[in-house]
């Protein structure tokens, strides 16, 4: 196996989105504008209701996919086509916005911890105007494996050994793993060699990624290769390991619209204003 190494390290920047939800933006900020096919990665975490209670009221999307992974708390999503669903602890929503929807995510709690991630994944030009669809996945449908002592993996997308994540039919062939490692435990994770990949430490003090210390709230952009080693250091840790096939296409972005040309952005705005989503 050709082991991946760390090419870059990125720390998130504090910002807000929606109706004022406080969050940490890791991808989609000046230090890392994107990592093809990944356009954005946000972590939201707070036990202060004022940081999240206003939620994400109805807003448009076109041309990409949003992935919400809830660790704690409860949100409800809905759209202008009548779709509704609950995002509870451990659940995942993989939404393919395609040609366009109006979508909302609103807290269903007034106190307590709200914690999770939202990842934006680009769509290729040929798929940008596809019909919208959802994959709402309850936690009990996500495989949990214990491949070695001290390591627990949740396989959300992609494969690990005989375990296959429940997310399917995604053109970028993503790998999305939640890896918990005890102190001193470690494992070599296979990854498709051509995929762009990142690791993000979201719990514990730090972890060892590709032989280097990676601090909590720090993202590592990984080099090419077909594996990466994830290990615990002095304390337990959890790491998101995500990889996807790069699209290598032009990207035109304007807020919640991601297309290939400025003209397509103008058309998206016109369609939105004309009520065609």
C-alpha atoms as a PDB file:
ATOM      1  CA  UNK A   1       0.000   0.000   0.000  1.00  0.00           C
ATOM      2  CA  UNK A   2       1.091   3.586  -0.694  1.00  0.00           C
ATOM      3  CA  UNK A   3       0.487   5.506   2.509  1.00  0.00           C
ATOM      4  CA  UNK A   4      -0.893   9.012   2.318  1.00  0.00           C
ATOM      5  CA  UNK A   5       0.786  11.898   4.122  1.00  0.00           C
ATOM      6  CA  UNK A   6      -0.423  15.314   5.291  1.00  0.00           C
ATOM      7  CA  UNK A   7      -0.087  18.008   2.624  1.00  0.00           C
ATOM      8  CA  UNK A   8      -1.757  20.884   4.454  1.00  0.00           C
ATOM      9  CA  UNK A   9      -3.302  21.694   7.806  1.00  0.00           C
ATOM     10  CA  UNK A  10      -6.347  23.931   8.142  1.00  0.00           C
ATOM     11  CA  UNK A  11      -8.093  25.284  11.226  1.00  0.00           C
ATOM     12  CA  UNK A  12     -11.708  26.347  10.986  1.00  0.00           C
ATOM     13  CA  UNK A  13     -12.865  29.940  11.209  1.00  0.00           C
ATOM     14  CA  UNK A  14     -15.773  31.011  13.395  1.00  0.00           C
ATOM     15  CA  UNK A  15     -18.740  32.329  11.445  1.00  0.00           C
ATOM     16  CA  UNK A  16     -22.539  32.101  11.292  1.00  0.00           C
ATOM     17  CA  UNK A  17     -25.036  30.998   8.672  1.00  0.00           C
ATOM     18  CA  UNK A  18     -28.762  30.536   8.241  1.00  0.00           C
ATOM     19  CA  UNK A  19     -30.596  32.835  10.660  1.00  0.00           C
ATOM     20  CA  UNK A  20     -27.494  33.279  12.805  1.00  0.00           C
ATOM     21  CA  UNK A  21     -26.405  29.736  13.691  1.00  0.00           C
ATOM     22  CA  UNK A  22     -22.858  29.874  15.034  1.00  0.00           C
ATOM     23  CA  UNK A  23     -20.489  27.381  13.449  1.00  0.00           C
ATOM     24  CA  UNK A  24     -16.905  26.635  12.476  1.00  0.00           C
ATOM     25  CA  UNK A  25     -16.174  26.689   8.723  1.00  0.00           C
ATOM     26  CA  UNK A  26     -13.292  24.422   7.748  1.00  0.00           C
ATOM     27  CA  UNK A  27     -13.686  24.049   3.959  1.00  0.00           C
ATOM     28  CA  UNK A  28     -15.101  27.036   2.089  1.00  0.00           C
ATOM     29  CA  UNK A  29     -12.984  29.696   3.796  1.00  0.00           C
ATOM     30  CA  UNK A  30      -9.933  31.693   2.634  1.00  0.00           C
ATOM     31  CA  UNK A  31      -7.480  29.059   3.882  1.00  0.00           C
ATOM     32  CA  UNK A  32      -9.157  26.252   1.908  1.00  0.00           C
ATOM     33  CA  UNK A  33     -11.708  27.429  -0.641  1.00  0.00           C
ATOM     34  CA  UNK A  34     -12.519  23.876  -1.782  1.00  0.00           C
ATOM     35  CA  UNK A  35     -11.037  20.410  -2.112  1.00  0.00           C
ATOM     36  CA  UNK A  36     -12.584  19.037  -5.302  1.00  0.00           C
ATOM     37  CA  UNK A  37     -15.284  17.663  -5.098  1.00  0.00           C
ATOM     38  CA  UNK A  38     -15.841  19.091  -1.599  1.00  0.00           C
ATOM     39  CA  UNK A  39     -17.085  22.673  -1.532  1.00  0.00           C
ATOM     40  CA  UNK A  40     -17.738  23.279   2.157  1.00  0.00           C
ATOM     41  CA  UNK A  41     -17.406  21.657   5.570  1.00  0.00           C
ATOM     42  CA  UNK A  42     -19.051  23.216   8.634  1.00  0.00           C
ATOM     43  CA  UNK A  43     -19.066  21.963  12.211  1.00  0.00           C
ATOM     44  CA  UNK A  44     -21.825  23.309  14.437  1.00  0.00           C
ATOM     45  CA  UNK A  45     -21.538  22.647  18.150  1.00  0.00           C
ATOM     46  CA  UNK A  46     -23.114  24.521  21.038  1.00  0.00           C
ATOM     47  CA  UNK A  47     -25.152  23.889  24.172  1.00  0.00           C
ATOM     48  CA  UNK A  48     -26.296  27.529  24.153  1.00  0.00           C
ATOM     49  CA  UNK A  49     -29.708  27.754  22.513  1.00  0.00           C
ATOM     50  CA  UNK A  50     -29.122  31.282  21.241  1.00  0.00           C
ATOM     51  CA  UNK A  51     -26.320  29.910  19.039  1.00  0.00           C
ATOM     52  CA  UNK A  52     -28.644  27.618  17.060  1.00  0.00           C
ATOM     53  CA  UNK A  53     -32.310  28.205  17.897  1.00  0.00           C
ATOM     54  CA  UNK A  54     -33.050  30.344  14.791  1.00  0.00           C
ATOM     55  CA  UNK A  55     -31.928  27.461  12.566  1.00  0.00           C
ATOM     56  CA  UNK A  56     -31.749  27.494   8.784  1.00  0.00           C
ATOM     57  CA  UNK A  57     -35.079  28.826   7.427  1.00  0.00           C
ATOM     58  CA  UNK A  58     -36.136  28.133   3.861  1.00  0.00           C
ATOM     59  CA  UNK A  59     -33.332  28.764   1.355  1.00  0.00           C
ATOM     60  CA  UNK A  60     -32.534  27.561  -2.193  1.00  0.00           C
ATOM     61  CA  UNK A  61     -29.942  25.086  -3.487  1.00  0.00           C
ATOM     62  CA  UNK A  62     -28.927  24.114  -7.007  1.00  0.00           C
ATOM     63  CA  UNK A  63     -26.091  22.109  -8.553  1.00  0.00           C
ATOM     64  CA  UNK A  64     -24.599  20.162  -5.626  1.00  0.00           C
ATOM     65  CA  UNK A  65     -25.303  17.884  -2.654  1.00  0.00           C
ATOM     66  CA  UNK A  66     -25.542  18.632   1.051  1.00  0.00           C
ATOM     67  CA  UNK A  67     -24.627  16.034   3.669  1.00  0.00           C
ATOM     68  CA  UNK A  68     -25.791  16.560   7.251  1.00  0.00           C
ATOM     69  CA  UNK A  69     -24.415  14.281   9.974  1.00  0.00           C
ATOM     70  CA  UNK A  70     -25.954  14.802  13.405  1.00  0.00           C
ATOM     71  CA  UNK A  71     -23.976  13.860  16.487  1.00  0.00           C
ATOM     72  CA  UNK A  72     -26.274  15.408  19.119  1.00  0.00           C
ATOM     73  CA  UNK A  73     -29.556  17.271  19.030  1.00  0.00           C
ATOM     74  CA  UNK A  74     -32.640  17.173  16.837  1.00  0.00           C
ATOM     75  CA  UNK A  75     -33.484  19.101  13.684  1.00  0.00           C
ATOM     76  CA  UNK A  76     -36.328  18.776  11.213  1.00  0.00           C
ATOM     77  CA  UNK A  77     -35.854  19.306   7.494  1.00  0.00           C
ATOM     78  CA  UNK A  78     -38.466  20.190   4.937  1.00  0.00           C
ATOM     79  CA  UNK A  79     -38.725  21.511   1.408  1.00  0.00           C
ATOM     80  CA  UNK A  80     -41.142  23.125  -1.023  1.00  0.00           C
ATOM     81  CA  UNK A  81     -42.024  19.740  -2.546  1.00  0.00           C
ATOM     82  CA  UNK A  82     -43.571  18.502   0.701  1.00  0.00           C
ATOM     83  CA  UNK A  83     -40.681  16.335   1.888  1.00  0.00           C
ATOM     84  CA  UNK A  84     -40.202  16.202   5.673  1.00  0.00           C
ATOM     85  CA  UNK A  85     -37.863  14.280   7.917  1.00  0.00           C
ATOM     86  CA  UNK A  86     -36.102  14.221  11.266  1.00  0.00           C
ATOM     87  CA  UNK A  87     -32.394  14.536  11.863  1.00  0.00           C
ATOM     88  CA  UNK A  88     -31.668  12.950  15.231  1.00  0.00           C
ATOM     89  CA  UNK A  89     -28.411  11.898  16.951  1.00  0.00           C
ATOM     90  CA  UNK A  90     -26.383   9.604  14.712  1.00  0.00           C
ATOM     91  CA  UNK A  91     -28.524  10.162  11.613  1.00  0.00           C
ATOM     92  CA  UNK A  92     -27.383  11.300   8.175  1.00  0.00           C
ATOM     93  CA  UNK A  93     -29.141  13.124   5.371  1.00  0.00           C
ATOM     94  CA  UNK A  94     -27.566  13.078   1.924  1.00  0.00           C
ATOM     95  CA  UNK A  95     -29.550  15.545  -0.176  1.00  0.00           C
ATOM     96  CA  UNK A  96     -28.992  15.839  -3.905  1.00  0.00           C
ATOM     97  CA  UNK A  97     -30.314  19.317  -4.687  1.00  0.00           C
ATOM     98  CA  UNK A  98     -29.879  18.922  -8.445  1.00  0.00           C
ATOM     99  CA  UNK A  99     -31.989  21.353 -10.496  1.00  0.00           C
ATOM    100  CA  UNK A 100     -33.200  23.172  -7.413  1.00  0.00           C
ATOM    101  CA  UNK A 101     -35.206  23.061  -4.206  1.00  0.00           C
ATOM    102  CA  UNK A 102     -36.175  25.361  -1.348  1.00  0.00           C
ATOM    103  CA  UNK A 103     -35.025  23.661   1.826  1.00  0.00           C
ATOM    104  CA  UNK A 104     -35.056  24.324   5.576  1.00  0.00           C
ATOM    105  CA  UNK A 105     -33.476  22.760   8.662  1.00  0.00           C
ATOM    106  CA  UNK A 106     -34.952  23.891  11.969  1.00  0.00           C
ATOM    107  CA  UNK A 107     -34.071  22.873  15.557  1.00  0.00           C
ATOM    108  CA  UNK A 108     -36.613  20.747  17.387  1.00  0.00           C
ATOM    109  CA  UNK A 109     -35.185  21.595  20.813  1.00  0.00           C
ATOM    110  CA  UNK A 110     -34.937  24.703  22.968  1.00  0.00           C
ATOM    111  CA  UNK A 111     -31.956  23.660  25.083  1.00  0.00           C
ATOM    112  CA  UNK A 112     -29.151  21.125  25.208  1.00  0.00           C
ATOM    113  CA  UNK A 113     -26.278  20.280  22.886  1.00  0.00           C
ATOM    114  CA  UNK A 114     -26.626  20.674  19.114  1.00  0.00           C
ATOM    115  CA  UNK A 115     -23.637  19.134  17.320  1.00  0.00           C
ATOM    116  CA  UNK A 116     -22.978  17.957  13.813  1.00  0.00           C
ATOM    117  CA  UNK A 117     -21.517  18.598  10.389  1.00  0.00           C
ATOM    118  CA  UNK A 118     -22.631  19.792   7.007  1.00  0.00           C
ATOM    119  CA  UNK A 119     -20.580  18.874   3.952  1.00  0.00           C
ATOM    120  CA  UNK A 120     -21.227  20.181   0.430  1.00  0.00           C
ATOM    121  CA  UNK A 121     -20.299  17.848  -2.437  1.00  0.00           C
ATOM    122  CA  UNK A 122     -20.188  19.119  -6.003  1.00  0.00           C
ATOM    123  CA  UNK A 123     -22.137  17.503  -8.842  1.00  0.00           C
ATOM    124  CA  UNK A 124     -20.661  17.034 -12.328  1.00  0.00           C
ATOM    125  CA  UNK A 125     -22.009  19.188 -15.153  1.00  0.00           C
ATOM    126  CA  UNK A 126     -24.136  16.351 -16.531  1.00  0.00           C
ATOM    127  CA  UNK A 127     -25.876  15.868 -13.149  1.00  0.00           C
ATOM    128  CA  UNK A 128     -26.406  19.467 -12.022  1.00  0.00           C
ATOM    129  CA  UNK A 129     -29.977  19.652 -13.329  1.00  0.00           C
ATOM    130  CA  UNK A 130     -31.032  16.197 -12.132  1.00  0.00           C
ATOM    131  CA  UNK A 131     -34.218  15.785 -10.108  1.00  0.00           C
ATOM    132  CA  UNK A 132     -33.706  16.421  -6.369  1.00  0.00           C
ATOM    133  CA  UNK A 133     -33.637  13.418  -4.049  1.00  0.00           C
ATOM    134  CA  UNK A 134     -32.972  12.565  -0.412  1.00  0.00           C
ATOM    135  CA  UNK A 135     -31.283   9.726   1.378  1.00  0.00           C
ATOM    136  CA  UNK A 136     -32.440   9.972   5.008  1.00  0.00           C
ATOM    137  CA  UNK A 137     -30.532   7.418   7.043  1.00  0.00           C
ATOM    138  CA  UNK A 138     -31.325   6.471  10.635  1.00  0.00           C
ATOM    139  CA  UNK A 139     -28.381   5.584  12.906  1.00  0.00           C
ATOM    140  CA  UNK A 140     -29.370   1.918  13.144  1.00  0.00           C
ATOM    141  CA  UNK A 141     -28.817   1.569   9.390  1.00  0.00           C
ATOM    142  CA  UNK A 142     -25.193   2.744   9.554  1.00  0.00           C
ATOM    143  CA  UNK A 143     -22.773  -0.191   9.913  1.00  0.00           C
ATOM    144  CA  UNK A 144     -20.537  -0.084  13.000  1.00  0.00           C
ATOM    145  CA  UNK A 145     -17.430  -2.280  12.897  1.00  0.00           C
ATOM    146  CA  UNK A 146     -14.618  -3.047  15.341  1.00  0.00           C
ATOM    147  CA  UNK A 147     -11.775  -4.188  13.076  1.00  0.00           C
ATOM    148  CA  UNK A 148      -9.082  -4.149  15.803  1.00  0.00           C
ATOM    149  CA  UNK A 149      -9.001  -3.602  19.557  1.00  0.00           C
ATOM    150  CA  UNK A 150      -9.618   0.021  20.444  1.00  0.00           C
ATOM    151  CA  UNK A 151     -11.003   1.106  17.060  1.00  0.00           C
ATOM    152  CA  UNK A 152     -14.659   1.626  16.119  1.00  0.00           C
ATOM    153  CA  UNK A 153     -15.728   2.696  12.619  1.00  0.00           C
ATOM    154  CA  UNK A 154     -19.088   3.961  11.410  1.00  0.00           C
ATOM    155  CA  UNK A 155     -19.313   3.431   7.654  1.00  0.00           C
ATOM    156  CA  UNK A 156     -21.613   6.136   6.289  1.00  0.00           C
ATOM    157  CA  UNK A 157     -20.491   5.936   2.661  1.00  0.00           C
ATOM    158  CA  UNK A 158     -18.060   3.683   0.828  1.00  0.00           C
ATOM    159  CA  UNK A 159     -16.672   0.388   2.033  1.00  0.00           C
ATOM    160  CA  UNK A 160     -14.548  -0.941   4.848  1.00  0.00           C
ATOM    161  CA  UNK A 161     -13.920  -4.668   4.710  1.00  0.00           C
ATOM    162  CA  UNK A 162     -17.293  -6.357   4.371  1.00  0.00           C
ATOM    163  CA  UNK A 163     -19.176  -3.272   5.609  1.00  0.00           C
ATOM    164  CA  UNK A 164     -20.840  -1.002   3.054  1.00  0.00           C
ATOM    165  CA  UNK A 165     -22.240   2.396   3.933  1.00  0.00           C
ATOM    166  CA  UNK A 166     -25.961   2.984   3.298  1.00  0.00           C
ATOM    167  CA  UNK A 167     -25.395   6.050   1.090  1.00  0.00           C
ATOM    168  CA  UNK A 168     -25.631   4.915  -2.528  1.00  0.00           C
ATOM    169  CA  UNK A 169     -25.754   6.185  -6.086  1.00  0.00           C
ATOM    170  CA  UNK A 170     -23.412   9.155  -5.584  1.00  0.00           C
ATOM    171  CA  UNK A 171     -21.366   9.963  -8.687  1.00  0.00           C
ATOM    172  CA  UNK A 172     -18.230  11.013  -6.768  1.00  0.00           C
ATOM    173  CA  UNK A 173     -18.050   7.540  -5.124  1.00  0.00           C
ATOM    174  CA  UNK A 174     -17.517   9.016  -1.641  1.00  0.00           C
ATOM    175  CA  UNK A 175     -15.957   7.453   1.421  1.00  0.00           C
ATOM    176  CA  UNK A 176     -17.322   8.890   4.688  1.00  0.00           C
ATOM    177  CA  UNK A 177     -16.083   7.293   7.919  1.00  0.00           C
ATOM    178  CA  UNK A 178     -16.454   8.257  11.585  1.00  0.00           C
ATOM    179  CA  UNK A 179     -13.447   6.665  13.305  1.00  0.00           C
ATOM    180  CA  UNK A 180     -13.134   6.402  17.096  1.00  0.00           C
ATOM    181  CA  UNK A 181      -9.707   5.387  18.424  1.00  0.00           C
ATOM    182  CA  UNK A 182      -8.684   4.647  21.970  1.00  0.00           C
ATOM    183  CA  UNK A 183      -5.354   5.884  23.313  1.00  0.00           C
ATOM    184  CA  UNK A 184      -2.562   4.007  21.545  1.00  0.00           C
ATOM    185  CA  UNK A 185      -4.859   2.081  19.204  1.00  0.00           C
ATOM    186  CA  UNK A 186      -4.604   2.506  15.450  1.00  0.00           C
ATOM    187  CA  UNK A 187      -5.562   1.194  12.053  1.00  0.00           C
ATOM    188  CA  UNK A 188      -4.630   1.479   8.387  1.00  0.00           C
ATOM    189  CA  UNK A 189      -7.620   2.619   6.337  1.00  0.00           C
ATOM    190  CA  UNK A 190      -7.682   1.814   2.593  1.00  0.00           C
ATOM    191  CA  UNK A 191      -8.795   4.642   0.303  1.00  0.00           C
ATOM    192  CA  UNK A 192      -9.284   4.838  -3.479  1.00  0.00           C
ATOM    193  CA  UNK A 193      -5.954   6.099  -4.791  1.00  0.00           C
ATOM    194  CA  UNK A 194      -7.383   8.775  -7.094  1.00  0.00           C
ATOM    195  CA  UNK A 195      -9.726  10.299  -4.513  1.00  0.00           C
ATOM    196  CA  UNK A 196      -9.038  13.597  -2.787  1.00  0.00           C
ATOM    197  CA  UNK A 197      -9.250  13.047   0.954  1.00  0.00           C
ATOM    198  CA  UNK A 198      -9.197  14.839   4.272  1.00  0.00           C
ATOM    199  CA  UNK A 199      -9.165  13.918   7.965  1.00  0.00           C
ATOM    200  CA  UNK A 200     -10.696  16.102  10.673  1.00  0.00           C
ATOM    201  CA  UNK A 201     -10.308  15.564  14.428  1.00  0.00           C
ATOM    202  CA  UNK A 202     -13.583  16.469  16.128  1.00  0.00           C
ATOM    203  CA  UNK A 203     -13.364  14.889  19.584  1.00  0.00           C
ATOM    204  CA  UNK A 204     -10.544  14.363  22.069  1.00  0.00           C
ATOM    205  CA  UNK A 205      -7.385  16.419  22.392  1.00  0.00           C
ATOM    206  CA  UNK A 206      -5.697  15.164  19.221  1.00  0.00           C
ATOM    207  CA  UNK A 207      -5.081  12.108  17.062  1.00  0.00           C
ATOM    208  CA  UNK A 208      -2.270  10.684  14.975  1.00  0.00           C
ATOM    209  CA  UNK A 209      -2.974  10.946  11.252  1.00  0.00           C
ATOM    210  CA  UNK A 210      -0.455   9.698   8.679  1.00  0.00           C
ATOM    211  CA  UNK A 211       2.182   9.524  11.410  1.00  0.00           C
ATOM    212  CA  UNK A 212       1.711  13.123  12.572  1.00  0.00           C
ATOM    213  CA  UNK A 213      -0.123  14.746  15.457  1.00  0.00           C
ATOM    214  CA  UNK A 214      -3.357  16.419  14.354  1.00  0.00           C
ATOM    215  CA  UNK A 215      -5.041  18.627  16.931  1.00  0.00           C
ATOM    216  CA  UNK A 216      -8.742  18.819  17.655  1.00  0.00           C
ATOM    217  CA  UNK A 217     -10.596  21.105  15.197  1.00  0.00           C
ATOM    218  CA  UNK A 218      -7.727  20.731  12.709  1.00  0.00           C
ATOM    219  CA  UNK A 219      -8.206  19.358   9.189  1.00  0.00           C
ATOM    220  CA  UNK A 220      -5.496  17.544   7.257  1.00  0.00           C
ATOM    221  CA  UNK A 221      -5.532  17.564   3.462  1.00  0.00           C
ATOM    222  CA  UNK A 222      -4.038  14.215   2.506  1.00  0.00           C
ATOM    223  CA  UNK A 223      -1.662  13.382  -0.330  1.00  0.00           C
ATOM    224  CA  UNK A 224      -2.330  10.773  -3.002  1.00  0.00           C
ATOM    225  CA  UNK A 225      -2.090   7.143  -1.972  1.00  0.00           C
ATOM    226  CA  UNK A 226      -4.243   4.132  -1.278  1.00  0.00           C
ATOM    227  CA  UNK A 227      -4.229   4.127   2.536  1.00  0.00           C
ATOM    228  CA  UNK A 228      -3.853   6.312   5.615  1.00  0.00           C
ATOM    229  CA  UNK A 229      -3.101   5.373   9.205  1.00  0.00           C
ATOM    230  CA  UNK A 230      -5.323   6.784  11.962  1.00  0.00           C
ATOM    231  CA  UNK A 231      -4.301   6.246  15.601  1.00  0.00           C
ATOM    232  CA  UNK A 232      -4.961   7.495  19.091  1.00  0.00           C
ATOM    233  CA  UNK A 233      -2.306   9.297  21.083  1.00  0.00           C
ATOM    234  CA  UNK A 234      -2.575   9.890  24.848  1.00  0.00           C
ATOM    235  CA  UNK A 235      -6.370  10.147  24.939  1.00  0.00           C
ATOM    236  CA  UNK A 236      -9.299   8.751  22.902  1.00  0.00           C
ATOM    237  CA  UNK A 237     -10.256  10.682  19.787  1.00  0.00           C
ATOM    238  CA  UNK A 238     -12.726  10.711  16.920  1.00  0.00           C
ATOM    239  CA  UNK A 239     -11.815  11.526  13.357  1.00  0.00           C
ATOM    240  CA  UNK A 240     -13.868  12.154  10.225  1.00  0.00           C
ATOM    241  CA  UNK A 241     -12.174  10.594   7.209  1.00  0.00           C
ATOM    242  CA  UNK A 242     -13.763  11.666   3.930  1.00  0.00           C
ATOM    243  CA  UNK A 243     -12.696  11.052   0.323  1.00  0.00           C
ATOM    244  CA  UNK A 244     -14.254  11.615  -3.090  1.00  0.00           C
ATOM    245  CA  UNK A 245     -13.457  11.415  -6.785  1.00  0.00           C
ATOM    246  CA  UNK A 246     -12.432  14.886  -8.041  1.00  0.00           C
ATOM    247  CA  UNK A 247     -14.537  16.214 -10.911  1.00  0.00           C
ATOM    248  CA  UNK A 248     -11.874  18.481 -12.463  1.00  0.00           C
ATOM    249  CA  UNK A 249     -14.508  20.812 -13.926  1.00  0.00           C
ATOM    250  CA  UNK A 250     -14.882  24.607 -13.797  1.00  0.00           C
ATOM    251  CA  UNK A 251     -16.732  25.845 -10.710  1.00  0.00           C
ATOM    252  CA  UNK A 252     -18.928  28.948 -10.605  1.00  0.00           C
ATOM    253  CA  UNK A 253     -20.351  29.704  -7.141  1.00  0.00           C
ATOM    254  CA  UNK A 254     -22.835  32.217  -5.844  1.00  0.00           C
ATOM    255  CA  UNK A 255     -24.114  31.509  -2.340  1.00  0.00           C
ATOM    256  CA  UNK A 256     -26.341  28.409  -2.526  1.00  0.00           C
ATOM    257  CA  UNK A 257     -25.834  27.918  -6.287  1.00  0.00           C
ATOM    258  CA  UNK A 258     -22.872  25.930  -7.660  1.00  0.00           C
ATOM    259  CA  UNK A 259     -22.637  25.620 -11.432  1.00  0.00           C
ATOM    260  CA  UNK A 260     -19.929  25.536 -14.117  1.00  0.00           C
ATOM    261  CA  UNK A 261     -20.266  28.996 -15.716  1.00  0.00           C
ATOM    262  CA  UNK A 262     -21.354  32.512 -14.666  1.00  0.00           C
ATOM    263  CA  UNK A 263     -24.176  32.296 -17.215  1.00  0.00           C
ATOM    264  CA  UNK A 264     -25.567  29.231 -15.439  1.00  0.00           C
ATOM    265  CA  UNK A 265     -25.452  31.141 -12.142  1.00  0.00           C
ATOM    266  CA  UNK A 266     -27.449  33.983 -13.697  1.00  0.00           C
ATOM    267  CA  UNK A 267     -29.985  31.427 -14.933  1.00  0.00           C
ATOM    268  CA  UNK A 268     -30.226  29.858 -11.469  1.00  0.00           C
ATOM    269  CA  UNK A 269     -30.959  33.253  -9.935  1.00  0.00           C
ATOM    270  CA  UNK A 270     -33.568  33.985 -12.609  1.00  0.00           C
ATOM    271  CA  UNK A 271     -35.217  30.573 -12.102  1.00  0.00           C
ATOM    272  CA  UNK A 272     -35.294  31.051  -8.342  1.00  0.00           C
ATOM    273  CA  UNK A 273     -36.882  34.485  -8.643  1.00  0.00           C
ATOM    274  CA  UNK A 274     -39.409  33.101 -11.121  1.00  0.00           C
ATOM    275  CA  UNK A 275     -40.469  30.390  -8.660  1.00  0.00           C
ATOM    276  CA  UNK A 276     -39.217  27.524 -10.808  1.00  0.00           C
ATOM    277  CA  UNK A 277     -37.463  25.614  -8.002  1.00  0.00           C
END
